Amino acid sequence: ALQLLADPDPVTTASDFLTMLFWYREVAGKCYVWTGEPTADGPAGLYILHPQFTQPILSRESFIEGYRYGRETSGIITVPADQVIFSPYQRDPFRPWDGVSWLSSVEQYADAENAALTTEVQRWKNAGQPGFILSVPSTYTDAQMKQAEAALRAKSGPFAAGRALIIR
């Protein structure tokens, strides 16, 4: 194992390998290491599979059957699951075959913030369109209309934001 860590593959130094392992776990939340075709002496090497190009092949029988590695401009290989070491930063609670990092929580927060801002902008753009319409009987007097409006304004919700309409 120490010899493999010292010289993981023909083009990667131990320092490069450990740095990539660390950064992929930190940033992508996961790192995949392919051990290559097994030899009589053990693993053939330690090859980092870049997480952005690695997709697990899920199976009902064996959970993860293998991994598909590559991108559209290169040849895609399929690697058996027993030849891959999966190292997550933390397991994704909704997709246990995947990993998440601290950056994932920042990304999720940014998505939620973006959705809130988009909703607020749309609300302002549609300010003339009520989000709530209250129909009262045609027999209501002006005083009763004002009383209904005051009662609604005292509550939170669409009327408090100015997007409600009371009609007779």
Protein backbone atom coordinates (compact mmCIF):
# COMPACT_ATOMS: atom_id res chain seq x y z
CA ALA A 1 0.00 0.00 0.00
CA LEU A 2 2.82 2.43 0.84
CA GLN A 3 4.55 1.68 -2.45
CA LEU A 4 1.29 2.45 -4.30
CA LEU A 5 0.89 5.71 -2.41
CA ALA A 6 4.49 6.68 -3.21
CA ASP A 7 3.98 5.95 -6.91
CA PRO A 8 0.22 5.74 -7.60
CA ASP A 9 0.35 5.60 -11.41
CA PRO A 10 2.83 6.28 -14.23
CA VAL A 11 1.98 10.00 -14.55
CA THR A 12 0.95 11.09 -11.04
CA THR A 13 3.23 11.75 -8.08
CA ALA A 14 2.20 10.91 -4.54
CA SER A 15 1.88 14.63 -3.77
CA ASP A 16 -0.37 15.24 -6.79
CA PHE A 17 -2.48 12.18 -5.96
CA LEU A 18 -3.06 13.16 -2.32
CA THR A 19 -3.71 16.81 -3.26
CA MET A 20 -6.33 15.81 -5.86
CA LEU A 21 -7.88 13.33 -3.43
CA PHE A 22 -8.16 16.06 -0.79
CA TRP A 23 -9.50 18.76 -3.11
CA TYR A 24 -12.04 16.56 -4.89
CA ARG A 25 -13.43 15.50 -1.51
CA GLU A 26 -13.51 19.11 -0.27
CA VAL A 27 -14.96 20.73 -3.38
CA ALA A 28 -16.99 18.01 -5.13
CA GLY A 29 -17.80 16.07 -1.96
CA LYS A 30 -16.44 12.85 -3.39
CA CYS A 31 -13.42 11.22 -4.93
CA TYR A 32 -13.15 8.04 -6.96
CA VAL A 33 -9.94 6.01 -7.12
CA TRP A 34 -9.68 3.24 -9.68
CA THR A 35 -7.29 0.46 -8.67
CA GLY A 36 -7.01 -0.84 -12.23
CA GLU A 37 -7.20 -4.46 -13.28
CA PRO A 38 -6.05 -6.55 -10.29
CA THR A 39 -2.70 -8.31 -10.59
CA ALA A 40 -1.19 -11.17 -8.61
CA ASP A 41 0.53 -8.55 -6.43
CA GLY A 42 -2.67 -6.58 -5.76
CA PRO A 43 -3.98 -3.37 -7.31
CA ALA A 44 -2.33 -2.24 -10.56
CA GLY A 45 -2.27 1.39 -9.44
CA LEU A 46 -4.26 4.25 -8.01
CA TYR A 47 -5.92 6.33 -10.70
CA ILE A 48 -8.07 9.33 -9.76
CA LEU A 49 -11.35 9.35 -11.64
CA HIS A 50 -12.47 12.96 -11.88
CA PRO A 51 -15.89 13.16 -10.19
CA GLN A 52 -17.39 15.42 -12.86
CA PHE A 53 -16.86 12.62 -15.42
CA THR A 54 -17.79 9.66 -13.16
CA GLN A 55 -21.31 8.26 -12.95
CA PRO A 56 -22.28 5.31 -10.75
CA ILE A 57 -24.23 2.55 -12.45
CA LEU A 58 -26.94 1.65 -9.95
CA SER A 59 -28.36 -1.83 -9.55
CA ARG A 60 -31.19 -3.25 -7.45
CA GLU A 61 -29.17 -6.36 -6.68
CA SER A 62 -25.73 -4.96 -5.85
CA PHE A 63 -26.53 -1.26 -5.17
CA ILE A 64 -23.62 -0.01 -7.33
CA GLU A 65 -22.76 -2.29 -10.20
CA GLY A 66 -19.93 -0.19 -11.59
CA TYR A 67 -18.92 3.25 -12.78
CA ARG A 68 -19.08 4.90 -16.16
CA TYR A 69 -16.15 7.24 -16.71
CA GLY A 70 -15.56 9.68 -19.53
CA ARG A 71 -17.14 12.56 -21.37
CA GLU A 72 -18.66 13.14 -24.77
CA THR A 73 -15.32 13.99 -26.45
CA SER A 74 -13.46 10.95 -25.12
CA GLY A 75 -13.92 7.24 -25.00
CA ILE A 76 -16.17 6.14 -22.14
CA ILE A 77 -15.06 3.20 -20.02
CA THR A 78 -17.07 1.09 -17.62
CA VAL A 79 -15.29 0.02 -14.46
CA PRO A 80 -16.56 -2.70 -12.08
CA ALA A 81 -17.49 -1.44 -8.61
CA ASP A 82 -14.96 -3.71 -6.89
CA GLN A 83 -12.13 -1.86 -8.66
CA VAL A 84 -13.18 1.58 -7.40
CA ILE A 85 -12.63 3.14 -4.00
CA PHE A 86 -15.32 5.73 -3.33
CA SER A 87 -14.34 8.36 -0.78
CA PRO A 88 -17.14 10.81 0.07
CA TYR A 89 -16.68 13.91 2.20
CA GLN A 90 -20.14 13.18 3.61
CA ARG A 91 -22.84 10.88 2.28
CA ASP A 92 -25.73 12.58 0.54
CA PRO A 93 -28.80 11.74 2.67
CA PHE A 94 -31.06 11.61 -0.40
CA ARG A 95 -28.64 9.79 -2.73
CA PRO A 96 -26.49 7.47 -0.56
CA TRP A 97 -24.31 6.53 -3.55
CA ASP A 98 -23.18 10.16 -3.78
CA GLY A 99 -21.22 12.54 -1.59
CA VAL A 100 -21.69 16.17 -0.64
CA SER A 101 -19.27 18.79 0.62
CA TRP A 102 -19.51 22.07 2.47
CA LEU A 103 -19.64 23.67 -0.97
CA SER A 104 -22.85 21.74 -1.70
CA SER A 105 -24.57 23.48 1.21
CA VAL A 106 -23.39 26.85 -0.12
CA GLU A 107 -24.76 25.89 -3.56
CA GLN A 108 -28.11 24.85 -2.05
CA TYR A 109 -28.31 28.11 -0.09
CA ALA A 110 -27.52 30.11 -3.25
CA ASP A 111 -30.27 28.22 -5.12
CA ALA A 112 -32.76 28.97 -2.32
CA GLU A 113 -31.67 32.62 -2.24
CA ASN A 114 -32.02 32.85 -6.03
CA ALA A 115 -35.52 31.34 -5.87
CA ALA A 116 -36.54 33.81 -3.15
CA LEU A 117 -35.19 36.77 -5.14
CA THR A 118 -36.87 35.60 -8.34
CA THR A 119 -40.17 35.21 -6.48
CA GLU A 120 -39.82 38.69 -4.98
CA VAL A 121 -39.06 40.26 -8.37
CA GLN A 122 -42.06 38.51 -9.92
CA ARG A 123 -44.24 39.65 -7.03
CA TRP A 124 -43.21 43.24 -7.66
CA LYS A 125 -43.74 42.90 -11.40
CA ASN A 126 -47.23 41.51 -10.82
CA ALA A 127 -48.17 44.01 -8.11
CA GLY A 128 -51.28 45.00 -10.05
CA GLN A 129 -52.57 41.44 -9.98
CA PRO A 130 -54.12 40.42 -6.66
CA GLY A 131 -52.99 37.18 -5.10
CA PHE A 132 -56.14 37.00 -2.98
CA ILE A 133 -59.70 38.06 -3.83
CA LEU A 134 -62.41 38.27 -1.20
CA SER A 135 -65.96 38.43 -2.47
CA VAL A 136 -68.48 39.95 -0.07
CA PRO A 137 -72.26 40.20 -0.50
CA SER A 138 -73.48 43.09 -2.61
CA THR A 139 -75.43 44.35 0.41
CA TYR A 140 -72.22 45.36 2.27
CA THR A 141 -72.05 49.06 3.01
CA ASP A 142 -68.88 51.15 2.62
CA ALA A 143 -68.36 50.96 6.38
CA GLN A 144 -68.59 47.14 6.29
CA MET A 145 -66.10 47.07 3.36
CA LYS A 146 -63.63 49.17 5.39
CA GLN A 147 -64.16 46.91 8.40
CA ALA A 148 -63.43 43.79 6.26
CA GLU A 149 -60.33 45.46 4.81
CA ALA A 150 -59.08 46.42 8.30
CA ALA A 151 -59.62 42.85 9.53
CA LEU A 152 -57.65 41.45 6.59
CA ARG A 153 -54.81 43.99 6.93
CA ALA A 154 -54.42 42.97 10.58
CA LYS A 155 -53.53 39.43 9.42
CA SER A 156 -50.39 38.36 7.61
CA GLY A 157 -50.61 36.95 4.13
CA PRO A 158 -51.29 38.31 0.66
CA PHE A 159 -53.37 41.26 1.83
CA ALA A 160 -50.60 42.48 4.15
CA ALA A 161 -48.34 42.58 1.07
CA GLY A 162 -50.92 44.67 -0.79
CA ARG A 163 -51.95 41.97 -3.23
CA ALA A 164 -55.56 41.35 -2.20
CA LEU A 165 -58.81 42.68 -3.56
CA ILE A 166 -62.22 42.93 -1.91
CA ILE A 167 -65.16 42.92 -4.29
CA ARG A 168 -68.92 43.28 -3.79
